[in-house]
C-alpha atoms as a PDB file:
ATOM      1  CA  UNK A   1     138.520 200.240  14.934  1.00  0.00           C
ATOM      2  CA  UNK A   2     141.844 201.840  13.902  1.00  0.00           C
ATOM      3  CA  UNK A   3     142.292 205.569  14.193  1.00  0.00           C
ATOM      4  CA  UNK A   4     142.366 207.797  11.123  1.00  0.00           C
ATOM      5  CA  UNK A   5     145.895 209.010  10.396  1.00  0.00           C
ATOM      6  CA  UNK A   6     147.385 211.330   7.821  1.00  0.00           C
ATOM      7  CA  UNK A   7     149.159 208.362   6.206  1.00  0.00           C
ATOM      8  CA  UNK A   8     146.113 206.266   5.376  1.00  0.00           C
ATOM      9  CA  UNK A   9     142.433 207.031   5.894  1.00  0.00           C
ATOM     10  CA  UNK A  10     140.690 204.259   7.837  1.00  0.00           C
ATOM     11  CA  UNK A  11     137.406 204.272   5.922  1.00  0.00           C
ATOM     12  CA  UNK A  12     138.524 202.000   3.046  1.00  0.00           C
ATOM     13  CA  UNK A  13     137.931 202.421  -0.668  1.00  0.00           C
ATOM     14  CA  UNK A  14     134.231 203.052  -0.281  1.00  0.00           C
ATOM     15  CA  UNK A  15     134.607 206.098   1.968  1.00  0.00           C
ATOM     16  CA  UNK A  16     134.860 209.722   0.921  1.00  0.00           C
ATOM     17  CA  UNK A  17     138.043 210.215   2.918  1.00  0.00           C
ATOM     18  CA  UNK A  18     139.849 207.561   0.859  1.00  0.00           C
ATOM     19  CA  UNK A  19     138.712 209.088  -2.449  1.00  0.00           C
ATOM     20  CA  UNK A  20     139.630 212.593  -1.298  1.00  0.00           C
ATOM     21  CA  UNK A  21     143.056 211.340  -0.245  1.00  0.00           C
ATOM     22  CA  UNK A  22     143.656 209.756  -3.670  1.00  0.00           C
ATOM     23  CA  UNK A  23     142.440 212.914  -5.400  1.00  0.00           C
ATOM     24  CA  UNK A  24     144.915 214.992  -3.387  1.00  0.00           C
ATOM     25  CA  UNK A  25     147.745 212.602  -4.300  1.00  0.00           C
ATOM     26  CA  UNK A  26     146.863 212.733  -8.009  1.00  0.00           C
ATOM     27  CA  UNK A  27     146.636 216.529  -7.876  1.00  0.00           C
ATOM     28  CA  UNK A  28     150.065 216.814  -6.245  1.00  0.00           C
ATOM     29  CA  UNK A  29     151.631 214.617  -8.938  1.00  0.00           C
ATOM     30  CA  UNK A  30     149.907 216.622 -11.692  1.00  0.00           C
ATOM     31  CA  UNK A  31     150.933 219.988 -10.290  1.00  0.00           C
ATOM     32  CA  UNK A  32     154.497 218.800  -9.707  1.00  0.00           C
ATOM     33  CA  UNK A  33     154.892 217.437 -13.222  1.00  0.00           C
ATOM     34  CA  UNK A  34     153.582 220.615 -14.794  1.00  0.00           C
ATOM     35  CA  UNK A  35     155.607 222.857 -12.510  1.00  0.00           C
ATOM     36  CA  UNK A  36     158.880 221.144 -13.353  1.00  0.00           C
ATOM     37  CA  UNK A  37     158.516 222.159 -16.991  1.00  0.00           C
ATOM     38  CA  UNK A  38     157.850 225.762 -15.996  1.00  0.00           C
ATOM     39  CA  UNK A  39     160.950 225.796 -13.774  1.00  0.00           C
ATOM     40  CA  UNK A  40     163.529 223.888 -15.836  1.00  0.00           C
ATOM     41  CA  UNK A  41     162.927 225.454 -19.243  1.00  0.00           C
ATOM     42  CA  UNK A  42     163.364 229.099 -18.078  1.00  0.00           C
ATOM     43  CA  UNK A  43     166.343 228.054 -15.942  1.00  0.00           C
ATOM     44  CA  UNK A  44     168.060 226.590 -18.997  1.00  0.00           C
ATOM     45  CA  UNK A  45     167.314 229.569 -21.213  1.00  0.00           C
ATOM     46  CA  UNK A  46     167.936 232.417 -18.767  1.00  0.00           C
ATOM     47  CA  UNK A  47     170.602 231.088 -16.398  1.00  0.00           C
ATOM     48  CA  UNK A  48     172.562 228.653 -18.575  1.00  0.00           C
ATOM     49  CA  UNK A  49     171.761 230.452 -21.852  1.00  0.00           C
ATOM     50  CA  UNK A  50     170.763 227.240 -23.642  1.00  0.00           C
ATOM     51  CA  UNK A  51     167.826 227.543 -26.022  1.00  0.00           C
ATOM     52  CA  UNK A  52     166.155 224.536 -27.584  1.00  0.00           C
ATOM     53  CA  UNK A  53     163.800 221.644 -27.023  1.00  0.00           C
ATOM     54  CA  UNK A  54     163.984 217.931 -26.429  1.00  0.00           C
ATOM     55  CA  UNK A  55     162.790 217.291 -29.955  1.00  0.00           C
ATOM     56  CA  UNK A  56     164.932 219.736 -31.932  1.00  0.00           C
ATOM     57  CA  UNK A  57     167.996 219.945 -29.693  1.00  0.00           C
ATOM     58  CA  UNK A  58     170.703 221.028 -29.225  1.00  0.00           C
ATOM     59  CA  UNK A  59     172.161 218.071 -27.371  1.00  0.00           C
ATOM     60  CA  UNK A  60     173.385 220.316 -24.542  1.00  0.00           C
ATOM     61  CA  UNK A  61     169.760 221.307 -23.892  1.00  0.00           C
ATOM     62  CA  UNK A  62     168.660 217.671 -23.889  1.00  0.00           C
ATOM     63  CA  UNK A  63     171.431 216.612 -21.527  1.00  0.00           C
ATOM     64  CA  UNK A  64     170.874 219.454 -19.053  1.00  0.00           C
ATOM     65  CA  UNK A  65     167.105 218.958 -19.161  1.00  0.00           C
ATOM     66  CA  UNK A  66     167.431 215.271 -18.330  1.00  0.00           C
ATOM     67  CA  UNK A  67     169.937 216.024 -15.550  1.00  0.00           C
ATOM     68  CA  UNK A  68     167.868 218.809 -13.972  1.00  0.00           C
ATOM     69  CA  UNK A  69     164.369 217.328 -14.042  1.00  0.00           C
ATOM     70  CA  UNK A  70     164.742 214.496 -11.448  1.00  0.00           C
ATOM     71  CA  UNK A  71     166.185 216.588  -8.579  1.00  0.00           C
ATOM     72  CA  UNK A  72     163.805 219.493  -9.159  1.00  0.00           C
ATOM     73  CA  UNK A  73     160.859 217.100  -9.480  1.00  0.00           C
ATOM     74  CA  UNK A  74     161.786 215.437  -6.174  1.00  0.00           C
ATOM     75  CA  UNK A  75     162.125 218.732  -4.343  1.00  0.00           C
ATOM     76  CA  UNK A  76     158.825 220.057  -5.684  1.00  0.00           C
ATOM     77  CA  UNK A  77     157.070 216.764  -4.947  1.00  0.00           C
ATOM     78  CA  UNK A  78     158.120 216.768  -1.299  1.00  0.00           C
ATOM     79  CA  UNK A  79     157.376 220.508  -0.914  1.00  0.00           C
ATOM     80  CA  UNK A  80     153.886 220.266  -2.397  1.00  0.00           C
ATOM     81  CA  UNK A  81     153.247 217.051  -0.474  1.00  0.00           C
ATOM     82  CA  UNK A  82     154.190 218.854   2.716  1.00  0.00           C
ATOM     83  CA  UNK A  83     151.796 221.694   1.906  1.00  0.00           C
ATOM     84  CA  UNK A  84     148.889 219.247   1.624  1.00  0.00           C
ATOM     85  CA  UNK A  85     149.907 217.382   4.791  1.00  0.00           C
ATOM     86  CA  UNK A  86     151.328 214.236   3.169  1.00  0.00           C
ATOM     87  CA  UNK A  87     155.068 214.820   3.599  1.00  0.00           C
ATOM     88  CA  UNK A  88     155.788 211.271   4.758  1.00  0.00           C
ATOM     89  CA  UNK A  89     154.096 209.676   1.733  1.00  0.00           C
ATOM     90  CA  UNK A  90     155.743 211.912  -0.865  1.00  0.00           C
ATOM     91  CA  UNK A  91     159.143 211.605   0.806  1.00  0.00           C
ATOM     92  CA  UNK A  92     158.846 207.830   0.434  1.00  0.00           C
ATOM     93  CA  UNK A  93     157.918 208.249  -3.235  1.00  0.00           C
ATOM     94  CA  UNK A  94     160.902 210.540  -3.880  1.00  0.00           C
ATOM     95  CA  UNK A  95     163.294 208.187  -2.085  1.00  0.00           C
ATOM     96  CA  UNK A  96     161.920 205.224  -4.029  1.00  0.00           C
ATOM     97  CA  UNK A  97     162.518 207.145  -7.254  1.00  0.00           C
ATOM     98  CA  UNK A  98     166.118 207.906  -6.284  1.00  0.00           C
ATOM     99  CA  UNK A  99     166.568 204.320  -5.105  1.00  0.00           C
ATOM    100  CA  UNK A 100     166.221 203.210  -8.703  1.00  0.00           C
ATOM    101  CA  UNK A 101     168.962 205.594  -9.857  1.00  0.00           C
ATOM    102  CA  UNK A 102     171.481 205.850  -7.015  1.00  0.00           C
ATOM    103  CA  UNK A 103     173.355 203.162  -5.067  1.00  0.00           C
ATOM    104  CA  UNK A 104     171.627 201.921  -1.908  1.00  0.00           C
ATOM    105  CA  UNK A 105     174.322 203.383   0.365  1.00  0.00           C
ATOM    106  CA  UNK A 106     173.587 206.915  -0.844  1.00  0.00           C
ATOM    107  CA  UNK A 107     169.805 206.484  -0.609  1.00  0.00           C
ATOM    108  CA  UNK A 108     170.151 205.306   3.007  1.00  0.00           C
ATOM    109  CA  UNK A 109     172.026 208.514   3.831  1.00  0.00           C
ATOM    110  CA  UNK A 110     169.163 210.551   2.364  1.00  0.00           C
ATOM    111  CA  UNK A 111     166.659 208.884   4.671  1.00  0.00           C
END
């Protein structure tokens, strides 16, 4: 029987360890998504002095919001994943996300 590791619980989908692991993963994604909004919006208004929303503009707010969310989301995702003991999993998720945006040569350097 394989040993239980931090990467994948050995008990399968019917075991409590598997369900707890999935619950932790969902919670990390939920907390990260919510936290990004609470970080980016004040940063734009207080540091860059850009007030607005994605719906009502101005376009400078929209552009900066879209440019700031992915890197901050990735950093928070890996940090929170590390806190719950799943750094390897969330690092793979963040690199996969950046692999869809950046050229492969740059993503390989990040690994």
